Amino acid sequence: MNWKLVAALFLSWCIVALALIKGIQSSGKVVYFTATFPYVILAILLIRGITLPGSYDGLYYYLMPNWKRIYDVDVWRDAAVQVFYSFGIG
């Protein structure tokens, strides 16, 4: 067994138990945290990503695609492979 994972699982179950020990009254407070926390983390990651060097070039490449590549067969083959990999996980 990986003891770090065991400890993390035990800690997560303790947090769940502490959140639910008082019943349904305290779960509303937990929902406020768990509903907003991912957005806070995404905002932090967005700010961090924008401040990295070369981020402008990446955003420009993402928002202004090269339309001449749409006729390239390799692009469509890579897209199909990506779709099948995504379906494979599901």
N, C-alpha and C. Protein backbone atom coordinates (compact mmCIF):
# COMPACT_ATOMS: atom_id res chain seq x y z
N MET A 1 0.83 -1.18 0.00
CA MET A 1 0.00 0.00 0.00
C MET A 1 0.87 1.24 0.00
N ASN A 2 0.38 2.25 -0.66
CA ASN A 2 1.04 3.56 -0.65
C ASN A 2 0.49 4.33 0.54
N TRP A 3 1.31 4.51 1.55
CA TRP A 3 0.84 5.07 2.81
C TRP A 3 0.47 6.54 2.70
N LYS A 4 1.06 7.25 1.76
CA LYS A 4 0.66 8.64 1.55
C LYS A 4 -0.78 8.71 1.04
N LEU A 5 -1.13 7.81 0.13
CA LEU A 5 -2.50 7.77 -0.37
C LEU A 5 -3.49 7.32 0.70
N VAL A 6 -3.07 6.38 1.52
CA VAL A 6 -3.93 5.92 2.62
C VAL A 6 -4.19 7.07 3.58
N ALA A 7 -3.16 7.84 3.89
CA ALA A 7 -3.32 8.98 4.80
C ALA A 7 -4.21 10.06 4.19
N ALA A 8 -4.05 10.30 2.89
CA ALA A 8 -4.89 11.30 2.23
C ALA A 8 -6.34 10.85 2.20
N LEU A 9 -6.58 9.57 1.96
CA LEU A 9 -7.95 9.05 1.96
C LEU A 9 -8.55 9.13 3.35
N PHE A 10 -7.78 8.79 4.36
CA PHE A 10 -8.27 8.88 5.74
C PHE A 10 -8.59 10.32 6.11
N LEU A 11 -7.73 11.24 5.72
CA LEU A 11 -7.97 12.66 6.00
C LEU A 11 -9.23 13.16 5.30
N SER A 12 -9.42 12.74 4.05
CA SER A 12 -10.62 13.18 3.33
C SER A 12 -11.89 12.63 3.97
N TRP A 13 -11.85 11.39 4.43
CA TRP A 13 -13.02 10.83 5.09
C TRP A 13 -13.28 11.50 6.44
N CYS A 14 -12.21 11.89 7.11
CA CYS A 14 -12.39 12.64 8.38
C CYS A 14 -13.04 13.99 8.10
N ILE A 15 -12.63 14.65 7.05
CA ILE A 15 -13.24 15.94 6.71
C ILE A 15 -14.72 15.76 6.37
N VAL A 16 -15.04 14.72 5.62
CA VAL A 16 -16.45 14.45 5.28
C VAL A 16 -17.25 14.15 6.55
N ALA A 17 -16.67 13.36 7.43
CA ALA A 17 -17.37 13.02 8.67
C ALA A 17 -17.58 14.26 9.53
N LEU A 18 -16.57 15.11 9.64
CA LEU A 18 -16.72 16.34 10.43
C LEU A 18 -17.74 17.28 9.81
N ALA A 19 -17.81 17.29 8.49
CA ALA A 19 -18.77 18.17 7.83
C ALA A 19 -20.21 17.69 8.03
N LEU A 20 -20.38 16.40 8.12
CA LEU A 20 -21.74 15.84 8.23
C LEU A 20 -22.13 15.44 9.64
N ILE A 21 -21.25 15.60 10.61
CA ILE A 21 -21.53 15.13 11.96
C ILE A 21 -22.68 15.88 12.61
N LYS A 22 -22.86 17.15 12.24
CA LYS A 22 -23.94 17.93 12.82
C LYS A 22 -25.24 17.80 12.05
N GLY A 23 -25.21 17.01 11.01
CA GLY A 23 -26.42 16.81 10.25
C GLY A 23 -26.53 17.76 9.07
N ILE A 24 -27.73 17.92 8.60
CA ILE A 24 -27.98 18.69 7.39
C ILE A 24 -27.76 20.18 7.58
N GLN A 25 -27.79 20.67 8.80
CA GLN A 25 -27.63 22.11 9.03
C GLN A 25 -26.23 22.59 8.63
N SER A 26 -25.23 21.81 8.91
CA SER A 26 -23.87 22.24 8.60
C SER A 26 -23.48 21.95 7.15
N SER A 27 -24.24 21.12 6.45
CA SER A 27 -23.85 20.79 5.08
C SER A 27 -24.04 21.98 4.14
N GLY A 28 -24.91 22.92 4.48
CA GLY A 28 -25.06 24.12 3.66
C GLY A 28 -23.79 24.94 3.62
N LYS A 29 -23.09 25.03 4.73
CA LYS A 29 -21.82 25.76 4.78
C LYS A 29 -20.77 25.04 3.93
N VAL A 30 -20.79 23.74 3.95
CA VAL A 30 -19.84 22.97 3.15
C VAL A 30 -20.13 23.18 1.67
N VAL A 31 -21.40 23.24 1.31
CA VAL A 31 -21.77 23.43 -0.09
C VAL A 31 -21.29 24.80 -0.58
N TYR A 32 -21.40 25.82 0.25
CA TYR A 32 -20.90 27.14 -0.15
C TYR A 32 -19.41 27.08 -0.48
N PHE A 33 -18.66 26.38 0.33
CA PHE A 33 -17.22 26.26 0.09
C PHE A 33 -16.93 25.44 -1.16
N THR A 34 -17.55 24.26 -1.26
CA THR A 34 -17.24 23.37 -2.38
C THR A 34 -17.77 23.89 -3.70
N ALA A 35 -18.76 24.77 -3.68
CA ALA A 35 -19.28 25.32 -4.93
C ALA A 35 -18.42 26.48 -5.43
N THR A 36 -17.81 27.23 -4.52
CA THR A 36 -17.03 28.39 -4.94
C THR A 36 -15.53 28.11 -5.05
N PHE A 37 -15.03 27.14 -4.33
CA PHE A 37 -13.59 26.87 -4.32
C PHE A 37 -13.02 26.56 -5.70
N PRO A 38 -13.66 25.73 -6.54
CA PRO A 38 -13.09 25.48 -7.87
C PRO A 38 -12.96 26.74 -8.71
N TYR A 39 -13.90 27.67 -8.59
CA TYR A 39 -13.81 28.91 -9.35
C TYR A 39 -12.66 29.79 -8.86
N VAL A 40 -12.42 29.78 -7.58
CA VAL A 40 -11.28 30.54 -7.04
C VAL A 40 -9.98 29.96 -7.57
N ILE A 41 -9.86 28.65 -7.56
CA ILE A 41 -8.64 28.00 -8.06
C ILE A 41 -8.47 28.27 -9.55
N LEU A 42 -9.57 28.20 -10.33
CA LEU A 42 -9.47 28.49 -11.76
C LEU A 42 -9.05 29.92 -12.03
N ALA A 43 -9.55 30.86 -11.23
CA ALA A 43 -9.15 32.26 -11.39
C ALA A 43 -7.66 32.44 -11.08
N ILE A 44 -7.19 31.77 -10.03
CA ILE A 44 -5.77 31.85 -9.68
C ILE A 44 -4.91 31.25 -10.80
N LEU A 45 -5.33 30.12 -11.34
CA LEU A 45 -4.57 29.50 -12.43
C LEU A 45 -4.60 30.35 -13.69
N LEU A 46 -5.73 31.02 -13.96
CA LEU A 46 -5.82 31.90 -15.12
C LEU A 46 -4.87 33.08 -14.99
N ILE A 47 -4.86 33.69 -13.82
CA ILE A 47 -3.95 34.82 -13.59
C ILE A 47 -2.50 34.36 -13.70
N ARG A 48 -2.19 33.22 -13.14
CA ARG A 48 -0.83 32.69 -13.22
C ARG A 48 -0.45 32.37 -14.66
N GLY A 49 -1.38 31.79 -15.42
CA GLY A 49 -1.09 31.45 -16.81
C GLY A 49 -0.88 32.67 -17.69
N ILE A 50 -1.65 33.72 -17.44
CA ILE A 50 -1.51 34.93 -18.24
C ILE A 50 -0.19 35.64 -17.96
N THR A 51 0.32 35.52 -16.75
CA THR A 51 1.56 36.21 -16.40
C THR A 51 2.81 35.46 -16.84
N LEU A 52 2.68 34.25 -17.35
CA LEU A 52 3.85 33.49 -17.80
C LEU A 52 4.38 34.06 -19.11
N PRO A 53 5.68 33.94 -19.35
CA PRO A 53 6.22 34.42 -20.62
C PRO A 53 5.71 33.57 -21.78
N GLY A 54 5.36 34.23 -22.86
CA GLY A 54 4.86 33.53 -24.04
C GLY A 54 3.37 33.28 -24.02
N SER A 55 2.69 33.76 -23.00
CA SER A 55 1.25 33.51 -22.92
C SER A 55 0.49 34.25 -24.01
N TYR A 56 0.97 35.42 -24.40
CA TYR A 56 0.30 36.17 -25.46
C TYR A 56 0.35 35.38 -26.77
N ASP A 57 1.49 34.78 -27.08
CA ASP A 57 1.60 33.99 -28.31
C ASP A 57 0.66 32.80 -28.30
N GLY A 58 0.55 32.15 -27.14
CA GLY A 58 -0.35 31.00 -27.04
C GLY A 58 -1.80 31.40 -27.19
N LEU A 59 -2.19 32.50 -26.56
CA LEU A 59 -3.58 32.98 -26.71
C LEU A 59 -3.87 33.41 -28.14
N TYR A 60 -2.91 34.06 -28.78
CA TYR A 60 -3.11 34.47 -30.17
C TYR A 60 -3.27 33.25 -31.07
N TYR A 61 -2.44 32.24 -30.87
CA TYR A 61 -2.54 31.01 -31.66
C TYR A 61 -3.87 30.30 -31.42
N TYR A 62 -4.37 30.37 -30.19
CA TYR A 62 -5.64 29.72 -29.85
C TYR A 62 -6.83 30.48 -30.44
N LEU A 63 -6.79 31.81 -30.39
CA LEU A 63 -7.95 32.60 -30.82
C LEU A 63 -7.94 32.94 -32.30
N MET A 64 -6.79 32.90 -32.94
CA MET A 64 -6.69 33.20 -34.37
C MET A 64 -6.13 31.97 -35.10
N PRO A 65 -6.99 31.01 -35.42
CA PRO A 65 -6.48 29.77 -36.02
C PRO A 65 -5.99 29.99 -37.45
N ASN A 66 -5.16 29.09 -37.90
CA ASN A 66 -4.67 29.08 -39.27
C ASN A 66 -5.67 28.28 -40.11
N TRP A 67 -6.52 28.98 -40.85
CA TRP A 67 -7.60 28.32 -41.58
C TRP A 67 -7.10 27.50 -42.76
N LYS A 68 -5.88 27.72 -43.19
CA LYS A 68 -5.33 26.93 -44.30
C LYS A 68 -5.07 25.49 -43.86
N ARG A 69 -4.89 25.28 -42.57
CA ARG A 69 -4.63 23.92 -42.07
C ARG A 69 -5.88 23.06 -42.03
N ILE A 70 -7.04 23.65 -42.26
CA ILE A 70 -8.28 22.86 -42.20
C ILE A 70 -8.37 21.85 -43.36
N TYR A 71 -7.63 22.11 -44.42
CA TYR A 71 -7.61 21.18 -45.55
C TYR A 71 -6.55 20.10 -45.40
N ASP A 72 -5.78 20.15 -44.33
CA ASP A 72 -4.71 19.17 -44.10
C ASP A 72 -5.31 17.89 -43.49
N VAL A 73 -5.01 16.77 -44.11
CA VAL A 73 -5.56 15.49 -43.67
C VAL A 73 -4.98 15.09 -42.30
N ASP A 74 -3.74 15.45 -42.05
CA ASP A 74 -3.12 15.10 -40.76
C ASP A 74 -3.86 15.74 -39.59
N VAL A 75 -4.37 16.93 -39.78
CA VAL A 75 -5.12 17.60 -38.72
C VAL A 75 -6.39 16.82 -38.40
N TRP A 76 -7.09 16.39 -39.42
CA TRP A 76 -8.34 15.64 -39.21
C TRP A 76 -8.06 14.27 -38.62
N ARG A 77 -6.96 13.65 -39.01
CA ARG A 77 -6.61 12.35 -38.43
C ARG A 77 -6.27 12.51 -36.95
N ASP A 78 -5.51 13.53 -36.60
CA ASP A 78 -5.19 13.78 -35.19
C ASP A 78 -6.45 14.08 -34.38
N ALA A 79 -7.40 14.81 -34.98
CA ALA A 79 -8.65 15.10 -34.28
C ALA A 79 -9.45 13.82 -34.05
N ALA A 80 -9.49 12.94 -35.04
CA ALA A 80 -10.22 11.68 -34.88
C ALA A 80 -9.59 10.81 -33.82
N VAL A 81 -8.26 10.76 -33.79
CA VAL A 81 -7.57 9.99 -32.76
C VAL A 81 -7.90 10.54 -31.38
N GLN A 82 -7.93 11.86 -31.24
CA GLN A 82 -8.25 12.47 -29.96
C GLN A 82 -9.67 12.13 -29.53
N VAL A 83 -10.61 12.13 -30.47
CA VAL A 83 -11.99 11.78 -30.15
C VAL A 83 -12.09 10.34 -29.67
N PHE A 84 -11.40 9.42 -30.34
CA PHE A 84 -11.46 8.02 -29.92
C PHE A 84 -10.79 7.79 -28.57
N TYR A 85 -9.71 8.52 -28.29
CA TYR A 85 -9.11 8.42 -26.96
C TYR A 85 -10.06 8.93 -25.89
N SER A 86 -10.78 9.99 -26.18
CA SER A 86 -11.73 10.53 -25.21
C SER A 86 -12.88 9.55 -24.98
N PHE A 87 -13.36 8.92 -26.03
CA PHE A 87 -14.43 7.94 -25.87
C PHE A 87 -13.95 6.69 -25.14
N GLY A 88 -12.68 6.36 -25.31
CA GLY A 88 -12.14 5.17 -24.66
C GLY A 88 -12.18 5.26 -23.15
N ILE A 89 -11.99 6.45 -22.61
CA ILE A 89 -12.03 6.62 -21.16
C ILE A 89 -13.45 6.47 -20.65
N GLY A 90 -14.40 7.00 -21.43
CA GLY A 90 -15.81 6.93 -21.01
C GLY A 90 -16.31 5.53 -21.09
